[in-house]
Amino acid sequence: MPELSDDMLIFSDLDGSLLDHDTYDWQPAAHWLRRLRQHHIPVIITTSKTACETILIRRELGLEHCPFIAENGASVALPEHWHTHADYPCKLFSAGYVDICAVLERLRLEQPFNFSGFSTLTDSDVATLTGLPLADAKRARQRQASEPLLWHDDGAALQRFIHLLDRHGLALTQGGRFYHVMGKGINKGRAASWLRLQYQQVTGTTPITLSLGDGPNDIALLQSTDYAVVIKSQSQQHITLGEAYTGKAYFTHDTGPTGWSEGLCHFISDNKKREVCDE
């Protein structure tokens, strides 16, 4: 089991994981965030949210010194002290947003698909769907390389849609609330692996990695790290990681940030661990 004294990277999903699915509260995880910060262990937000959204959340959580992964792995934002890095300030892995939306509009015209994407919704629509304040909903629509959408059609149409996306070099990922269209081969795990390599090159050491997530779009992330915490989903989505992760994956009993803390208590040892987990 890793210890707080180890070189470690923690990759964390937001909605339904570090943030409560409905209220976006993170206070049940505050004691762990504080202790990880004291030990200089980066908590790398790994989310479907946009960079504009994540910058504010990162500041609220006290993680300004950490990089973050946005739009389900389509981009990695590097912190200011990495200003000499070749990809500073942002590494993009996916096709651009304008190109993605153009393909979706073409498919909508060619096929009788029924879906709603953020590009066709208003800020008010997104606020209603997500429960976000209007200003936050506006930030959610400021995208770089992925398009969230609501699917209103049947399963057979969805499979045709996925096939056509593939022909255009795009793929569909299922998140907690929305499907996400982005470049083929793009996912949170790929971005996390790239960022782990950057840390390795900068520090000269190989960090231990741990990830936390609750949705299907977190599977690639959970499978890319040394240890994985599968947080119980409020929507009852069941995630399996395979036999290779026996002993390396922990499935929480609690949801949201309470489950997030539960997972860290399971994996990370420290002489003050009991105190942290009982707070």
Protein backbone atom coordinates (compact mmCIF):
# COMPACT_ATOMS: atom_id res chain seq x y z
CA MET A 1 0.00 0.00 0.00
CA PRO A 2 1.27 3.52 -0.75
CA GLU A 3 2.19 5.91 2.06
CA LEU A 4 1.92 9.66 2.33
CA SER A 5 5.69 9.84 2.30
CA ASP A 6 5.84 8.27 -1.19
CA ASP A 7 6.10 10.07 -4.52
CA MET A 8 2.48 9.85 -5.56
CA LEU A 9 0.00 11.29 -8.07
CA ILE A 10 -3.73 11.19 -7.41
CA PHE A 11 -6.12 11.54 -10.36
CA SER A 12 -9.70 12.36 -9.43
CA ASP A 13 -12.99 12.65 -11.24
CA LEU A 14 -15.23 15.48 -10.02
CA ASP A 15 -19.01 15.00 -10.37
CA GLY A 16 -20.17 12.08 -8.24
CA SER A 17 -16.64 11.60 -6.91
CA LEU A 18 -14.81 14.52 -5.31
CA LEU A 19 -17.99 16.61 -5.73
CA ASP A 20 -21.44 15.48 -4.65
CA HIS A 21 -23.53 14.56 -7.71
CA ASP A 22 -26.43 16.86 -6.78
CA THR A 23 -25.07 19.60 -4.51
CA TYR A 24 -21.44 19.79 -5.77
CA ASP A 25 -20.35 19.84 -2.10
CA TRP A 26 -16.78 18.62 -1.39
CA GLN A 27 -16.46 19.20 2.35
CA PRO A 28 -16.42 15.47 3.32
CA ALA A 29 -13.12 15.28 1.42
CA ALA A 30 -11.62 18.46 2.89
CA HIS A 31 -9.51 16.69 5.52
CA TRP A 32 -7.85 14.47 2.91
CA LEU A 33 -7.26 17.38 0.53
CA ARG A 34 -5.57 19.27 3.36
CA ARG A 35 -3.31 16.36 4.30
CA LEU A 36 -2.34 15.62 0.68
CA ARG A 37 -1.45 19.29 0.21
CA GLN A 38 0.71 19.18 3.36
CA HIS A 39 2.62 16.22 1.90
CA HIS A 40 2.95 17.90 -1.54
CA ILE A 41 1.00 15.13 -3.26
CA PRO A 42 -0.71 16.50 -6.40
CA VAL A 43 -4.45 15.90 -6.74
CA ILE A 44 -5.03 16.10 -10.47
CA ILE A 45 -8.63 16.86 -11.36
CA THR A 46 -9.63 14.60 -14.24
CA THR A 47 -13.04 15.62 -15.47
CA SER A 48 -15.50 16.01 -18.32
CA LYS A 49 -15.82 19.67 -17.36
CA THR A 50 -14.22 22.42 -19.41
CA ALA A 51 -10.98 24.17 -18.52
CA CYS A 52 -12.97 27.34 -17.73
CA GLU A 53 -15.05 25.45 -15.17
CA THR A 54 -12.15 23.51 -13.72
CA ILE A 55 -9.91 26.52 -13.09
CA LEU A 56 -12.47 27.91 -10.63
CA ILE A 57 -13.05 24.56 -8.93
CA ARG A 58 -9.31 23.93 -8.67
CA ARG A 59 -8.90 27.28 -6.90
CA GLU A 60 -11.76 26.53 -4.49
CA LEU A 61 -10.20 23.16 -3.62
CA GLY A 62 -6.76 24.69 -3.08
CA LEU A 63 -5.19 22.82 -6.01
CA GLU A 64 -3.81 25.77 -8.01
CA HIS A 65 -0.34 24.20 -8.02
CA CYS A 66 -1.62 21.05 -9.76
CA PRO A 67 -2.21 20.37 -13.45
CA PHE A 68 -5.65 19.16 -14.48
CA ILE A 69 -7.26 17.08 -17.20
CA ALA A 70 -10.41 18.49 -18.81
CA GLU A 71 -13.08 17.35 -21.27
CA ASN A 72 -12.60 13.64 -20.57
CA GLY A 73 -8.93 13.67 -21.48
CA ALA A 74 -9.10 15.92 -24.52
CA SER A 75 -6.84 18.50 -22.86
CA VAL A 76 -4.27 18.78 -20.07
CA ALA A 77 -3.70 22.18 -18.47
CA LEU A 78 -0.23 22.66 -16.96
CA PRO A 79 0.43 24.80 -13.85
CA GLU A 80 2.38 28.05 -14.00
CA HIS A 81 5.57 26.59 -12.54
CA TRP A 82 5.73 24.31 -15.63
CA HIS A 83 6.05 27.36 -17.88
CA THR A 84 9.21 25.99 -19.52
CA HIS A 85 7.46 22.78 -20.62
CA ALA A 86 7.14 22.40 -24.39
CA ASP A 87 3.34 22.05 -24.18
CA TYR A 88 2.71 24.85 -21.68
CA PRO A 89 0.05 26.03 -21.00
CA CYS A 90 -2.14 23.30 -22.50
CA LYS A 91 -1.72 19.97 -24.29
CA LEU A 92 -4.57 19.12 -26.69
CA PHE A 93 -5.16 15.51 -27.75
CA SER A 94 -8.45 15.73 -29.63
CA ALA A 95 -9.96 17.29 -32.71
CA GLY A 96 -11.06 20.91 -32.29
CA TYR A 97 -14.53 21.81 -31.07
CA VAL A 98 -15.62 23.56 -34.25
CA ASP A 99 -14.72 20.49 -36.32
CA ILE A 100 -16.57 18.13 -33.96
CA CYS A 101 -19.73 20.26 -34.07
CA ALA A 102 -19.57 20.42 -37.87
CA VAL A 103 -19.54 16.60 -38.08
CA LEU A 104 -22.47 16.33 -35.66
CA GLU A 105 -24.52 18.81 -37.66
CA ARG A 106 -23.77 16.91 -40.87
CA LEU A 107 -24.90 13.63 -39.28
CA ARG A 108 -28.04 15.28 -37.99
CA LEU A 109 -28.90 16.41 -41.52
CA GLU A 110 -28.04 13.07 -43.17
CA GLN A 111 -29.73 10.79 -40.62
CA PRO A 112 -32.89 11.13 -38.52
CA PHE A 113 -30.90 11.14 -35.27
CA ASN A 114 -32.51 12.82 -32.27
CA PHE A 115 -30.00 14.37 -29.86
CA SER A 116 -29.21 17.70 -28.21
CA GLY A 117 -25.65 19.01 -27.98
CA PHE A 118 -24.32 21.88 -25.90
CA SER A 119 -23.67 23.84 -29.10
CA THR A 120 -27.42 23.81 -29.82
CA LEU A 121 -28.49 24.61 -26.26
CA THR A 122 -28.55 27.94 -24.46
CA ASP A 123 -26.77 28.76 -21.20
CA SER A 124 -30.19 28.62 -19.53
CA ASP A 125 -30.87 25.14 -20.98
CA VAL A 126 -27.57 23.81 -19.62
CA ALA A 127 -28.23 25.41 -16.22
CA THR A 128 -31.58 23.65 -16.05
CA LEU A 129 -30.13 20.28 -17.07
CA THR A 130 -27.18 20.37 -14.69
CA GLY A 131 -28.41 22.44 -11.76
CA LEU A 132 -25.50 24.82 -12.29
CA PRO A 133 -25.79 28.59 -11.79
CA LEU A 134 -26.13 30.44 -15.09
CA ALA A 135 -22.55 31.74 -15.02
CA ASP A 136 -21.20 28.21 -14.51
CA ALA A 137 -23.42 26.88 -17.29
CA LYS A 138 -21.90 29.47 -19.60
CA ARG A 139 -18.41 28.21 -18.70
CA ALA A 140 -19.57 24.65 -19.38
CA ARG A 141 -20.32 25.68 -22.98
CA GLN A 142 -16.84 27.19 -23.54
CA ARG A 143 -15.37 24.00 -24.96
CA GLN A 144 -12.09 23.16 -26.66
CA ALA A 145 -12.29 19.59 -27.92
CA SER A 146 -15.46 17.67 -26.95
CA GLU A 147 -19.24 18.00 -27.20
CA PRO A 148 -21.63 16.74 -24.50
CA LEU A 149 -25.01 15.62 -25.76
CA LEU A 150 -28.28 14.14 -24.59
CA TRP A 151 -29.42 11.15 -26.62
CA HIS A 152 -33.18 11.14 -27.30
CA ASP A 153 -33.22 8.20 -29.74
CA ASP A 154 -33.26 4.42 -29.26
CA GLY A 155 -30.37 2.00 -28.80
CA ALA A 156 -30.27 0.87 -32.42
CA ALA A 157 -29.94 4.47 -33.61
CA LEU A 158 -27.20 5.01 -31.04
CA GLN A 159 -25.17 2.13 -32.49
CA ARG A 160 -25.51 3.58 -36.01
CA PHE A 161 -24.47 6.96 -34.66
CA ILE A 162 -21.35 5.46 -33.01
CA HIS A 163 -20.43 3.71 -36.27
CA LEU A 164 -20.71 6.94 -38.26
CA LEU A 165 -18.70 8.87 -35.68
CA ASP A 166 -15.94 6.28 -36.03
CA ARG A 167 -15.80 6.89 -39.79
CA HIS A 168 -15.17 10.57 -39.03
CA GLY A 169 -12.41 9.81 -36.51
CA LEU A 170 -14.64 10.50 -33.51
CA ALA A 171 -15.90 8.40 -30.59
CA LEU A 172 -18.66 8.50 -27.98
CA THR A 173 -18.03 8.23 -24.23
CA GLN A 174 -20.76 7.86 -21.61
CA GLY A 175 -20.48 10.15 -18.60
CA GLY A 176 -22.60 10.60 -15.51
CA ARG A 177 -25.13 12.95 -17.11
CA PHE A 178 -24.24 13.13 -20.79
CA TYR A 179 -22.61 11.33 -23.67
CA HIS A 180 -19.42 13.03 -24.87
CA VAL A 181 -18.20 13.17 -28.47
CA MET A 182 -14.45 13.63 -28.95
CA GLY A 183 -11.54 12.39 -31.03
CA LYS A 184 -11.17 8.62 -31.34
CA GLY A 185 -8.77 7.14 -28.81
CA ILE A 186 -9.13 10.09 -26.44
CA ASN A 187 -9.91 9.27 -22.82
CA LYS A 188 -8.94 10.17 -19.27
CA GLY A 189 -6.54 7.24 -19.00
CA ARG A 190 -4.47 8.30 -21.99
CA ALA A 191 -4.15 11.84 -20.63
CA ALA A 192 -3.24 10.55 -17.16
CA SER A 193 -0.54 8.28 -18.61
CA TRP A 194 0.92 11.19 -20.58
CA LEU A 195 0.97 13.39 -17.47
CA ARG A 196 2.57 10.64 -15.39
CA LEU A 197 5.38 10.47 -17.95
CA GLN A 198 5.88 14.24 -17.73
CA TYR A 199 6.25 14.01 -13.94
CA GLN A 200 8.69 11.15 -14.36
CA GLN A 201 10.84 13.16 -16.76
CA VAL A 202 10.76 16.28 -14.56
CA THR A 203 11.49 14.56 -11.24
CA GLY A 204 13.57 11.59 -12.36
CA THR A 205 11.39 9.26 -10.30
CA THR A 206 8.43 7.00 -11.14
CA PRO A 207 5.46 8.13 -9.04
CA ILE A 208 2.87 5.77 -7.60
CA THR A 209 -0.51 6.58 -9.14
CA LEU A 210 -4.01 6.28 -7.69
CA SER A 211 -7.26 7.24 -9.40
CA LEU A 212 -10.83 7.77 -8.23
CA GLY A 213 -14.00 7.79 -10.34
CA ASP A 214 -17.63 6.71 -10.46
CA GLY A 215 -18.74 6.54 -14.10
CA PRO A 216 -18.14 4.63 -17.33
CA ASN A 217 -16.01 7.51 -18.65
CA ASP A 218 -13.63 6.89 -15.71
CA ILE A 219 -12.85 3.26 -16.60
CA ALA A 220 -9.84 4.07 -18.79
CA LEU A 221 -8.49 6.30 -16.01
CA LEU A 222 -9.03 3.66 -13.32
CA GLN A 223 -7.27 1.08 -15.48
CA SER A 224 -4.29 3.36 -16.14
CA THR A 225 -3.10 3.75 -12.54
CA ASP A 226 -1.42 1.53 -9.96
CA TYR A 227 -4.44 1.68 -7.63
CA ALA A 228 -8.07 2.52 -8.35
CA VAL A 229 -11.01 3.62 -6.22
CA VAL A 230 -14.39 2.93 -7.82
CA ILE A 231 -16.79 5.25 -6.01
CA LYS A 232 -20.34 3.99 -5.60
CA SER A 233 -22.50 5.66 -8.23
CA GLN A 234 -25.63 7.47 -7.18
CA SER A 235 -27.15 6.49 -10.54
CA GLN A 236 -26.40 2.79 -9.82
CA GLN A 237 -24.04 2.47 -12.79
CA HIS A 238 -21.90 -0.61 -12.19
CA ILE A 239 -18.22 -0.52 -13.18
CA THR A 240 -16.01 -3.60 -13.56
CA LEU A 241 -12.26 -3.40 -14.13
CA GLY A 242 -11.36 -7.05 -14.69
CA GLU A 243 -9.38 -9.68 -12.80
CA ALA A 244 -6.08 -7.89 -13.40
CA TYR A 245 -7.16 -5.29 -10.86
CA THR A 246 -7.92 -7.70 -8.02
CA GLY A 247 -6.29 -6.22 -4.93
CA LYS A 248 -5.54 -2.99 -6.77
CA ALA A 249 -9.14 -1.72 -6.92
CA TYR A 250 -11.43 -0.77 -4.07
CA PHE A 251 -15.20 -0.34 -4.41
CA THR A 252 -16.62 2.12 -1.91
CA HIS A 253 -19.77 1.78 0.16
CA ASP A 254 -20.45 5.53 0.17
CA THR A 255 -21.06 7.89 -2.74
CA GLY A 256 -19.50 11.22 -3.66
CA PRO A 257 -16.83 12.91 -1.52
CA THR A 258 -17.59 10.62 1.44
CA GLY A 259 -16.78 7.62 -0.78
CA TRP A 260 -13.75 9.52 -2.09
CA SER A 261 -12.36 9.81 1.43
CA GLU A 262 -13.27 6.19 2.14
CA GLY A 263 -11.18 5.08 -0.83
CA LEU A 264 -8.13 7.04 0.28
CA CYS A 265 -8.48 5.68 3.80
CA HIS A 266 -8.41 2.17 2.33
CA PHE A 267 -5.26 2.61 0.26
CA ILE A 268 -3.02 5.26 1.82
CA SER A 269 -1.24 4.43 5.07
CA ASP A 270 0.22 6.97 7.47
CA ASN A 271 0.84 7.15 11.19
CA LYS A 272 -1.96 9.69 11.36
CA LYS A 273 -4.29 7.76 9.06
CA ARG A 274 -6.78 6.85 11.79
CA GLU A 275 -7.05 10.48 12.80
CA VAL A 276 -7.68 11.55 9.18
CA CYS A 277 -10.31 8.91 8.54
CA ASP A 278 -12.19 9.60 11.75
CA GLU A 279 -12.48 13.36 11.24
